[in-house]
Amino acid sequence: MSKFQPRVIRTQDQYQEYMSEVESLIVQKLTPGSDDAERLELLTVLIESYESSNYAIEPVNPIDAIKFRMAEKGLKQVDLAPYFGTKSRVSEVLSGKRALTVPMIKALSVGLGIASQTLLGLDSDDRALTENSSKMEFNWSKFPIKEMLSRGWIEDAGAKVKKNVEEQVKDFISSLGEATATASFKRTLSGDAYSPLSQYKLYAWVARVIQKARSRNLEYPFDASILGKEFLKDLAHLSWSEYGPLLAVEFLEKHGICVVIEPALKGTSVDGAALKDADGRPIVALSLRQDRLDNFWFTLLHEVVHIWKHVDLDKTFVDDLENHTESKDKLEAEANRYARDTFIPRVVWKRSKAYLNPSSANIDALSKELNIHPAIIAGRLRRESGKYNQFSDLVGYGEVRKHFPSKYW
């Protein structure tokens, strides 16, 4: 998009154009006060104005508002105890077993900055407050329809009315596992790749992943008891082979875990995802947006840990591991730790020559000792030191996508 002065949004095409630019700007580390930062702020104001005039504001559930603010601020339930009085009351309120009291509402309004009318439920009637989130309506036009069409996920309606295209989107999203499209939004998206701005694109991507997983019709059953530290080690050791990525996919699928390769949609920062289909089949999805071995292997083990420890039928993890390897989220941090320690145990790492005196020779020696690819060690050194210009020849650039041909590479 050219850098002309933004104007008041009057058409859907103009709205989508501005949204695309906001998505490209928001993932950048903009300097406050810079031209791009000011432009982002102006575009956001224009988009909000257009949405408030053209899209109905949906009822906000007070509990959903609290949970959203918790996620936004990285808060845990224990952090809300001062506003509710006790830890048990936090759990009771968030689970719907106890109603919010006036003192709670006052404390949350001041402490978390949530409008008191939202917490009182004045933006919705009593029925809307008690209905399941599956009854909520969603703005189907916010899905990345053009990209879904270009990728062949839905059919081009041609001269047909826009409503028909949106009906296709609803049918497509229903593949997340529910009888209706809106019910599919009960599936919670979690992880560092998630943001409200990318919500619709991520739901579309996850639906595509599920669709592709089902088309594989994997014959091997899944037995959750196989998952553990030894399973992770066996998977990590496959990295030593020249054909490691292919062997890893074969290994996981023979144990009943479906692996889907699906490029990320524009404006999202997804490296991988972990989820379960409606029948309980675990799925690991990889976008391969970074064509490097170190990223591939760390992402793969991170997602397998989620399958082992965290995933249930209603929860999907969508992860940005290129930029968020030190997540504040407890579950993400646990997946990071297991993946990191599987490749290189902590007691080994801090005493290794590769750590104390980084060099190509020392990296190679440690990789042979641990029976893992040198790219994994080089990648860890780069992340921990922040020196991403080091060992560029060892992290395996161009060594992943070649195993998984796609027209999108």
Protein backbone atom coordinates (compact mmCIF):
# COMPACT_ATOMS: atom_id res chain seq x y z
CA MET A 1 0.00 0.00 0.00
CA SER A 2 1.34 3.40 -0.92
CA LYS A 3 2.03 5.88 1.86
CA PHE A 4 -0.74 8.34 0.98
CA GLN A 5 -2.49 10.19 3.79
CA PRO A 6 -5.19 7.87 5.21
CA ARG A 7 -8.76 9.00 4.61
CA VAL A 8 -12.08 8.23 6.24
CA ILE A 9 -13.04 4.64 5.36
CA ARG A 10 -16.08 4.48 3.09
CA THR A 11 -15.87 1.05 1.43
CA GLN A 12 -15.24 -2.57 2.46
CA ASP A 13 -12.22 -2.77 0.11
CA GLN A 14 -10.70 0.31 1.74
CA TYR A 15 -11.38 -1.23 5.16
CA GLN A 16 -9.62 -4.48 4.19
CA GLU A 17 -6.69 -2.51 2.74
CA TYR A 18 -6.22 -0.57 5.96
CA MET A 19 -6.58 -3.75 8.02
CA SER A 20 -3.79 -5.38 6.00
CA GLU A 21 -1.50 -2.44 6.59
CA VAL A 22 -2.27 -2.42 10.33
CA GLU A 23 -1.43 -6.13 10.49
CA SER A 24 1.91 -5.54 8.78
CA LEU A 25 2.75 -2.60 11.05
CA ILE A 26 1.66 -4.20 14.32
CA VAL A 27 4.16 -7.07 14.06
CA GLN A 28 7.03 -4.62 13.69
CA LYS A 29 8.89 -3.15 16.65
CA LEU A 30 7.94 0.47 15.96
CA THR A 31 9.67 3.33 17.73
CA PRO A 32 7.12 5.45 19.65
CA GLY A 33 6.61 8.75 17.87
CA SER A 34 8.00 7.50 14.56
CA ASP A 35 6.12 8.08 11.30
CA ASP A 36 5.05 4.42 11.14
CA ALA A 37 3.91 4.45 14.77
CA GLU A 38 1.83 7.56 14.17
CA ARG A 39 0.42 6.01 11.00
CA LEU A 40 -0.54 2.84 12.89
CA GLU A 41 -2.38 4.90 15.49
CA LEU A 42 -4.24 6.90 12.83
CA LEU A 43 -5.23 3.79 10.87
CA THR A 44 -6.49 2.14 14.05
CA VAL A 45 -8.72 5.13 14.82
CA LEU A 46 -10.13 5.10 11.29
CA ILE A 47 -10.78 1.34 11.44
CA GLU A 48 -12.50 1.58 14.82
CA SER A 49 -14.69 4.41 13.53
CA TYR A 50 -15.71 2.37 10.48
CA GLU A 51 -16.43 -0.74 12.56
CA SER A 52 -18.54 1.17 15.08
CA SER A 53 -20.66 2.55 12.22
CA ASN A 54 -20.98 -0.62 10.15
CA TYR A 55 -20.77 -3.57 12.53
CA ALA A 56 -23.08 -4.19 15.42
CA ILE A 57 -21.38 -4.34 18.80
CA GLU A 58 -21.94 -7.79 20.27
CA PRO A 59 -22.86 -8.34 23.90
CA VAL A 60 -19.86 -8.71 26.21
CA ASN A 61 -19.98 -11.35 28.90
CA PRO A 62 -18.46 -9.94 32.13
CA ILE A 63 -16.48 -13.14 32.76
CA ASP A 64 -15.15 -13.09 29.20
CA ALA A 65 -14.09 -9.48 29.73
CA ILE A 66 -12.18 -10.45 32.88
CA LYS A 67 -10.49 -13.41 31.18
CA PHE A 68 -9.54 -11.26 28.20
CA ARG A 69 -7.91 -8.67 30.47
CA MET A 70 -6.09 -11.49 32.33
CA ALA A 71 -4.68 -12.80 29.06
CA GLU A 72 -3.78 -9.29 27.92
CA LYS A 73 -1.86 -8.57 31.13
CA GLY A 74 -0.45 -12.08 31.58
CA LEU A 75 -2.28 -12.54 34.89
CA LYS A 76 -3.06 -15.83 36.63
CA GLN A 77 -6.08 -16.56 38.81
CA VAL A 78 -3.99 -16.10 41.94
CA ASP A 79 -3.19 -12.54 40.81
CA LEU A 80 -6.90 -11.68 41.00
CA ALA A 81 -7.30 -12.73 44.63
CA PRO A 82 -6.97 -9.13 45.93
CA TYR A 83 -9.99 -8.10 43.83
CA PHE A 84 -12.17 -11.06 44.86
CA GLY A 85 -11.11 -11.56 48.47
CA THR A 86 -9.85 -15.14 48.28
CA LYS A 87 -8.35 -17.53 45.68
CA SER A 88 -11.37 -19.82 45.89
CA ARG A 89 -13.73 -16.95 45.04
CA VAL A 90 -11.70 -16.20 41.91
CA SER A 91 -12.17 -19.76 40.73
CA GLU A 92 -15.87 -19.76 41.61
CA VAL A 93 -16.59 -16.51 39.77
CA LEU A 94 -14.60 -17.40 36.66
CA SER A 95 -16.32 -20.81 36.46
CA GLY A 96 -19.76 -19.20 36.81
CA LYS A 97 -20.53 -20.71 40.21
CA ARG A 98 -20.58 -17.35 42.03
CA ALA A 99 -21.92 -13.99 40.86
CA LEU A 100 -19.88 -10.81 40.89
CA THR A 101 -20.63 -8.58 43.89
CA VAL A 102 -20.60 -4.78 43.95
CA PRO A 103 -17.27 -4.64 45.88
CA MET A 104 -15.72 -7.03 43.32
CA ILE A 105 -16.97 -4.92 40.42
CA LYS A 106 -15.58 -1.75 41.96
CA ALA A 107 -12.20 -3.38 42.62
CA LEU A 108 -11.96 -4.87 39.10
CA SER A 109 -13.02 -1.62 37.47
CA VAL A 110 -10.28 0.32 39.23
CA GLY A 111 -7.60 -2.38 39.30
CA LEU A 112 -7.98 -3.86 35.82
CA GLY A 113 -9.56 -0.95 33.99
CA ILE A 114 -12.70 -2.84 32.94
CA ALA A 115 -15.73 -0.57 32.51
CA SER A 116 -18.17 -1.02 35.38
CA GLN A 117 -21.12 -1.20 32.96
CA THR A 118 -19.46 -4.17 31.28
CA LEU A 119 -19.01 -5.95 34.61
CA LEU A 120 -22.63 -5.13 35.54
CA GLY A 121 -23.82 -6.60 32.25
CA LEU A 122 -25.52 -3.40 31.13
CA ASP A 123 -24.34 -4.00 27.55
CA SER A 124 -26.49 -7.14 27.30
CA ASP A 125 -29.72 -8.60 28.62
CA ASP A 126 -29.92 -11.31 31.29
CA ARG A 127 -30.35 -14.08 28.73
CA ALA A 128 -27.26 -13.05 26.78
CA LEU A 129 -25.20 -13.11 29.98
CA THR A 130 -26.08 -16.71 30.75
CA GLU A 131 -25.99 -18.15 27.26
CA ASN A 132 -23.05 -20.20 26.12
CA SER A 133 -20.50 -18.39 23.97
CA SER A 134 -21.62 -20.60 21.09
CA LYS A 135 -24.75 -18.42 20.84
CA MET A 136 -22.74 -15.30 20.03
CA GLU A 137 -22.75 -13.88 16.53
CA PHE A 138 -19.56 -13.20 14.64
CA ASN A 139 -18.68 -10.90 11.80
CA TRP A 140 -18.05 -13.41 9.04
CA SER A 141 -16.78 -10.72 6.69
CA LYS A 142 -13.72 -10.36 8.93
CA PHE A 143 -12.43 -13.75 7.86
CA PRO A 144 -9.61 -13.56 5.27
CA ILE A 145 -12.01 -14.44 2.46
CA LYS A 146 -9.74 -13.33 -0.40
CA GLU A 147 -6.85 -15.42 0.87
CA MET A 148 -9.13 -18.38 1.57
CA LEU A 149 -10.36 -18.15 -2.02
CA SER A 150 -6.86 -17.84 -3.47
CA ARG A 151 -5.71 -20.91 -1.53
CA GLY A 152 -8.70 -22.93 -2.68
CA TRP A 153 -10.11 -23.40 0.83
CA ILE A 154 -13.50 -22.19 -0.34
CA GLU A 155 -14.94 -21.88 -3.84
CA ASP A 156 -15.12 -18.60 -5.72
CA ALA A 157 -18.76 -17.59 -5.82
CA GLY A 158 -18.08 -15.49 -8.92
CA ALA A 159 -21.10 -13.37 -9.64
CA LYS A 160 -23.02 -14.83 -6.70
CA VAL A 161 -23.99 -12.58 -3.84
CA LYS A 162 -21.57 -11.95 -1.02
CA LYS A 163 -23.82 -13.81 1.42
CA ASN A 164 -23.14 -17.08 -0.38
CA VAL A 165 -19.39 -16.64 0.12
CA GLU A 166 -19.93 -16.00 3.82
CA GLU A 167 -22.09 -19.14 4.04
CA GLN A 168 -19.14 -21.08 2.61
CA VAL A 169 -16.94 -19.59 5.31
CA LYS A 170 -19.41 -20.71 7.98
CA ASP A 171 -19.45 -24.23 6.58
CA PHE A 172 -15.66 -24.25 6.44
CA ILE A 173 -15.28 -23.09 10.06
CA SER A 174 -17.80 -25.71 11.18
CA SER A 175 -15.08 -28.25 10.48
CA LEU A 176 -13.52 -27.26 13.80
CA GLY A 177 -15.77 -29.90 15.29
CA GLU A 178 -19.21 -28.51 16.06
CA ALA A 179 -22.55 -28.78 14.33
CA THR A 180 -22.69 -25.04 13.65
CA ALA A 181 -20.05 -22.51 12.77
CA THR A 182 -20.69 -20.26 15.76
CA ALA A 183 -20.47 -23.23 18.14
CA SER A 184 -17.00 -23.89 16.78
CA PHE A 185 -15.83 -20.73 18.51
CA LYS A 186 -16.04 -22.60 21.81
CA ARG A 187 -12.61 -23.89 20.87
CA THR A 188 -10.21 -21.66 22.82
CA LEU A 189 -7.17 -20.35 20.99
CA SER A 190 -4.16 -19.96 23.26
CA GLY A 191 -0.45 -19.31 22.79
CA ASP A 192 1.87 -16.46 21.87
CA ALA A 193 0.72 -16.29 18.24
CA TYR A 194 -2.81 -15.36 19.31
CA SER A 195 -4.08 -11.79 19.41
CA PRO A 196 -7.60 -10.36 19.01
CA LEU A 197 -6.48 -8.77 15.74
CA SER A 198 -5.52 -12.15 14.26
CA GLN A 199 -8.41 -14.15 15.74
CA TYR A 200 -10.40 -14.66 12.54
CA LYS A 201 -7.34 -15.59 10.49
CA LEU A 202 -6.20 -18.08 13.11
CA TYR A 203 -9.62 -19.74 13.27
CA ALA A 204 -9.52 -20.10 9.48
CA TRP A 205 -6.00 -21.55 9.62
CA VAL A 206 -6.89 -24.00 12.40
CA ALA A 207 -9.99 -25.12 10.48
CA ARG A 208 -7.82 -25.77 7.43
CA VAL A 209 -5.40 -27.79 9.55
CA ILE A 210 -8.25 -29.95 10.87
CA GLN A 211 -9.61 -30.38 7.36
CA LYS A 212 -6.23 -31.57 6.07
CA ALA A 213 -5.71 -33.87 9.06
CA ARG A 214 -9.03 -35.58 8.41
CA SER A 215 -8.20 -36.03 4.74
CA ARG A 216 -5.10 -37.99 5.78
CA ASN A 217 -7.36 -40.62 7.39
CA LEU A 218 -4.51 -41.77 9.62
CA GLU A 219 -4.76 -45.50 10.27
CA TYR A 220 -2.59 -45.71 13.38
CA PRO A 221 -4.36 -45.38 16.75
CA PHE A 222 -3.15 -42.94 19.38
CA ASP A 223 -2.17 -44.17 22.82
CA ALA A 224 -1.55 -41.29 25.24
CA SER A 225 0.54 -43.54 27.50
CA ILE A 226 3.42 -43.51 24.98
CA LEU A 227 4.08 -39.83 25.58
CA GLY A 228 6.86 -38.96 27.99
CA LYS A 229 10.49 -37.94 28.25
CA GLU A 230 11.78 -41.04 26.44
CA PHE A 231 9.38 -40.46 23.57
CA LEU A 232 10.68 -36.88 23.25
CA LYS A 233 14.29 -38.12 23.28
CA ASP A 234 13.60 -40.64 20.53
CA LEU A 235 12.04 -37.87 18.46
CA ALA A 236 14.94 -35.48 19.12
CA HIS A 237 17.54 -38.05 18.02
CA LEU A 238 15.93 -38.23 14.59
CA SER A 239 17.31 -34.72 14.00
CA TRP A 240 20.74 -36.26 13.43
CA SER A 241 19.65 -37.67 10.07
CA GLU A 242 19.78 -35.76 6.80
CA TYR A 243 16.13 -36.73 6.39
CA GLY A 244 15.24 -35.90 9.99
CA PRO A 245 12.11 -33.79 9.31
CA LEU A 246 10.55 -36.55 7.20
CA LEU A 247 11.51 -39.23 9.73
CA ALA A 248 9.98 -37.14 12.52
CA VAL A 249 6.65 -36.89 10.72
CA GLU A 250 6.68 -40.64 10.05
CA PHE A 251 7.57 -41.38 13.68
CA LEU A 252 4.75 -39.24 15.08
CA GLU A 253 2.13 -40.54 12.66
CA LYS A 254 3.03 -44.17 13.39
CA HIS A 255 2.20 -43.33 17.00
CA GLY A 256 -1.16 -41.81 16.06
CA ILE A 257 -0.23 -38.10 16.05
CA CYS A 258 -1.20 -36.47 12.76
CA VAL A 259 1.25 -33.88 11.40
CA VAL A 260 -0.02 -31.16 9.06
CA ILE A 261 2.16 -28.72 7.14
CA GLU A 262 0.16 -25.57 6.37
CA PRO A 263 1.74 -22.18 5.52
CA ALA A 264 0.65 -19.35 7.80
CA LEU A 265 -1.82 -16.74 6.57
CA LYS A 266 -0.60 -13.20 5.96
CA GLY A 267 -0.57 -11.05 9.06
CA THR A 268 -0.12 -13.97 11.47
CA SER A 269 3.01 -15.16 13.26
CA VAL A 270 2.35 -18.87 13.62
CA ASP A 271 5.23 -21.33 13.78
CA GLY A 272 3.21 -24.28 15.01
CA ALA A 273 0.05 -25.46 16.71
CA ALA A 274 -1.15 -28.34 18.87
CA LEU A 275 -4.77 -29.47 19.11
CA LYS A 276 -7.12 -32.44 19.16
CA ASP A 277 -9.88 -33.20 16.69
CA ALA A 278 -13.42 -33.96 17.84
CA ASP A 279 -12.62 -37.69 17.91
CA GLY A 280 -9.60 -37.14 20.17
CA ARG A 281 -6.98 -37.49 17.43
CA PRO A 282 -3.99 -35.24 18.32
CA ILE A 283 -2.73 -32.93 15.58
CA VAL A 284 0.57 -31.07 15.33
CA ALA A 285 0.57 -28.30 12.72
CA LEU A 286 3.68 -26.58 11.36
CA SER A 287 3.73 -23.50 9.14
CA LEU A 288 7.46 -23.66 8.25
CA ARG A 289 7.45 -19.87 8.01
CA GLN A 290 11.12 -20.10 9.04
CA ASP A 291 12.96 -22.48 6.74
CA ARG A 292 15.58 -23.45 9.34
CA LEU A 293 16.31 -26.70 11.11
CA ASP A 294 16.71 -25.16 14.56
CA ASN A 295 13.25 -23.57 14.33
CA PHE A 296 11.68 -26.77 12.96
CA TRP A 297 12.97 -29.03 15.70
CA PHE A 298 12.28 -26.72 18.62
CA THR A 299 8.76 -25.99 17.34
CA LEU A 300 8.04 -29.68 16.78
CA LEU A 301 9.03 -30.77 20.28
CA HIS A 302 7.27 -27.76 21.82
CA GLU A 303 3.98 -28.80 20.16
CA VAL A 304 4.41 -32.47 21.12
CA VAL A 305 4.82 -31.37 24.75
CA HIS A 306 1.52 -29.51 24.44
CA ILE A 307 -0.10 -32.72 23.17
CA TRP A 308 1.40 -34.62 26.11
CA LYS A 309 0.69 -32.11 28.86
CA HIS A 310 -1.88 -29.49 27.93
CA VAL A 311 -4.21 -30.07 24.98
CA ASP A 312 -7.86 -31.00 25.40
CA LEU A 313 -10.77 -31.03 22.93
CA ASP A 314 -11.64 -27.37 23.45
CA LYS A 315 -8.17 -25.86 23.62
CA THR A 316 -5.80 -25.17 20.75
CA PHE A 317 -2.30 -23.77 21.12
CA VAL A 318 -1.06 -21.51 18.31
CA ASP A 319 2.58 -20.62 18.87
CA ASP A 320 5.02 -17.95 17.77
CA LEU A 321 8.31 -19.53 18.84
CA GLU A 322 10.59 -17.42 16.70
CA ASN A 323 9.96 -14.33 18.83
CA HIS A 324 8.56 -15.68 22.11
CA THR A 325 10.80 -18.45 23.40
CA GLU A 326 10.66 -16.95 26.90
CA SER A 327 6.91 -16.82 27.33
CA LYS A 328 5.34 -15.62 30.58
CA ASP A 329 2.47 -18.07 30.11
CA LYS A 330 2.93 -21.05 32.45
CA LEU A 331 1.96 -23.70 29.90
CA GLU A 332 4.08 -22.17 27.14
CA ALA A 333 7.04 -21.90 29.50
CA GLU A 334 6.65 -25.55 30.45
CA ALA A 335 6.58 -26.63 26.80
CA ASN A 336 9.68 -24.51 26.13
CA ARG A 337 11.51 -26.07 29.08
CA TYR A 338 10.75 -29.67 28.13
CA ALA A 339 11.75 -29.09 24.51
CA ARG A 340 14.97 -27.31 25.47
CA ASP A 341 16.01 -29.86 28.09
CA THR A 342 15.21 -32.81 25.85
CA PHE A 343 17.70 -31.65 23.27
CA ILE A 344 20.33 -30.45 25.75
CA PRO A 345 19.92 -31.30 29.45
CA ARG A 346 20.56 -28.30 31.71
CA VAL A 347 23.37 -30.03 33.59
CA VAL A 348 25.14 -30.68 30.29
CA TRP A 349 24.55 -27.28 28.71
CA LYS A 350 26.13 -25.03 31.32
CA ARG A 351 29.27 -27.17 31.50
CA SER A 352 29.68 -27.75 27.76
CA LYS A 353 32.47 -26.20 25.71
CA ALA A 354 29.86 -25.12 23.19
CA TYR A 355 28.31 -22.90 25.87
CA LEU A 356 31.51 -21.75 27.58
CA ASN A 357 33.52 -21.24 24.41
CA PRO A 358 31.16 -21.16 21.39
CA SER A 359 32.77 -22.33 18.18
CA SER A 360 31.85 -24.50 15.22
CA ALA A 361 34.15 -27.26 16.46
CA ASN A 362 32.66 -27.27 19.96
CA ILE A 363 29.11 -27.22 18.57
CA ASP A 364 29.92 -30.20 16.37
CA ALA A 365 31.46 -32.11 19.27
CA LEU A 366 28.42 -31.55 21.51
CA SER A 367 26.03 -32.52 18.74
CA LYS A 368 27.83 -35.86 18.36
CA GLU A 369 27.81 -36.41 22.12
CA LEU A 370 24.05 -35.78 22.34
CA ASN A 371 23.17 -37.33 18.97
CA ILE A 372 21.29 -34.22 17.79
CA HIS A 373 21.76 -31.93 14.80
CA PRO A 374 24.32 -29.09 15.22
CA ALA A 375 21.63 -26.61 14.08
CA ILE A 376 19.78 -27.10 17.38
CA ILE A 377 22.85 -26.14 19.42
CA ALA A 378 23.72 -23.21 17.16
CA GLY A 379 20.13 -21.96 17.34
CA ARG A 380 20.14 -22.07 21.13
CA LEU A 381 23.38 -20.11 21.29
CA ARG A 382 21.95 -17.47 18.97
CA ARG A 383 18.74 -17.10 20.99
CA GLU A 384 20.42 -16.95 24.39
CA SER A 385 23.10 -14.48 23.29
CA GLY A 386 20.85 -12.43 21.02
CA LYS A 387 23.62 -12.55 18.41
CA TYR A 388 21.71 -13.78 15.38
CA ASN A 389 24.58 -13.06 13.01
CA GLN A 390 26.58 -15.90 14.56
CA PHE A 391 26.66 -19.48 13.23
CA SER A 392 24.33 -18.66 10.34
CA ASP A 393 25.95 -21.49 8.40
CA LEU A 394 25.00 -24.03 11.09
CA VAL A 395 21.29 -23.41 11.79
CA GLY A 396 20.15 -25.20 8.63
CA TYR A 397 18.79 -22.48 6.37
CA GLY A 398 16.89 -24.01 3.45
CA GLU A 399 16.96 -27.53 4.94
CA VAL A 400 13.29 -27.97 5.91
CA ARG A 401 10.84 -26.87 3.21
CA LYS A 402 12.63 -28.96 0.60
CA HIS A 403 11.23 -32.05 2.33
CA PHE A 404 7.65 -30.73 2.07
CA PRO A 405 7.06 -29.34 -1.45
CA SER A 406 4.45 -26.58 -1.70
CA LYS A 407 3.64 -23.86 -4.20
CA TYR A 408 3.71 -21.38 -1.31
CA TRP A 409 7.40 -21.75 -0.59
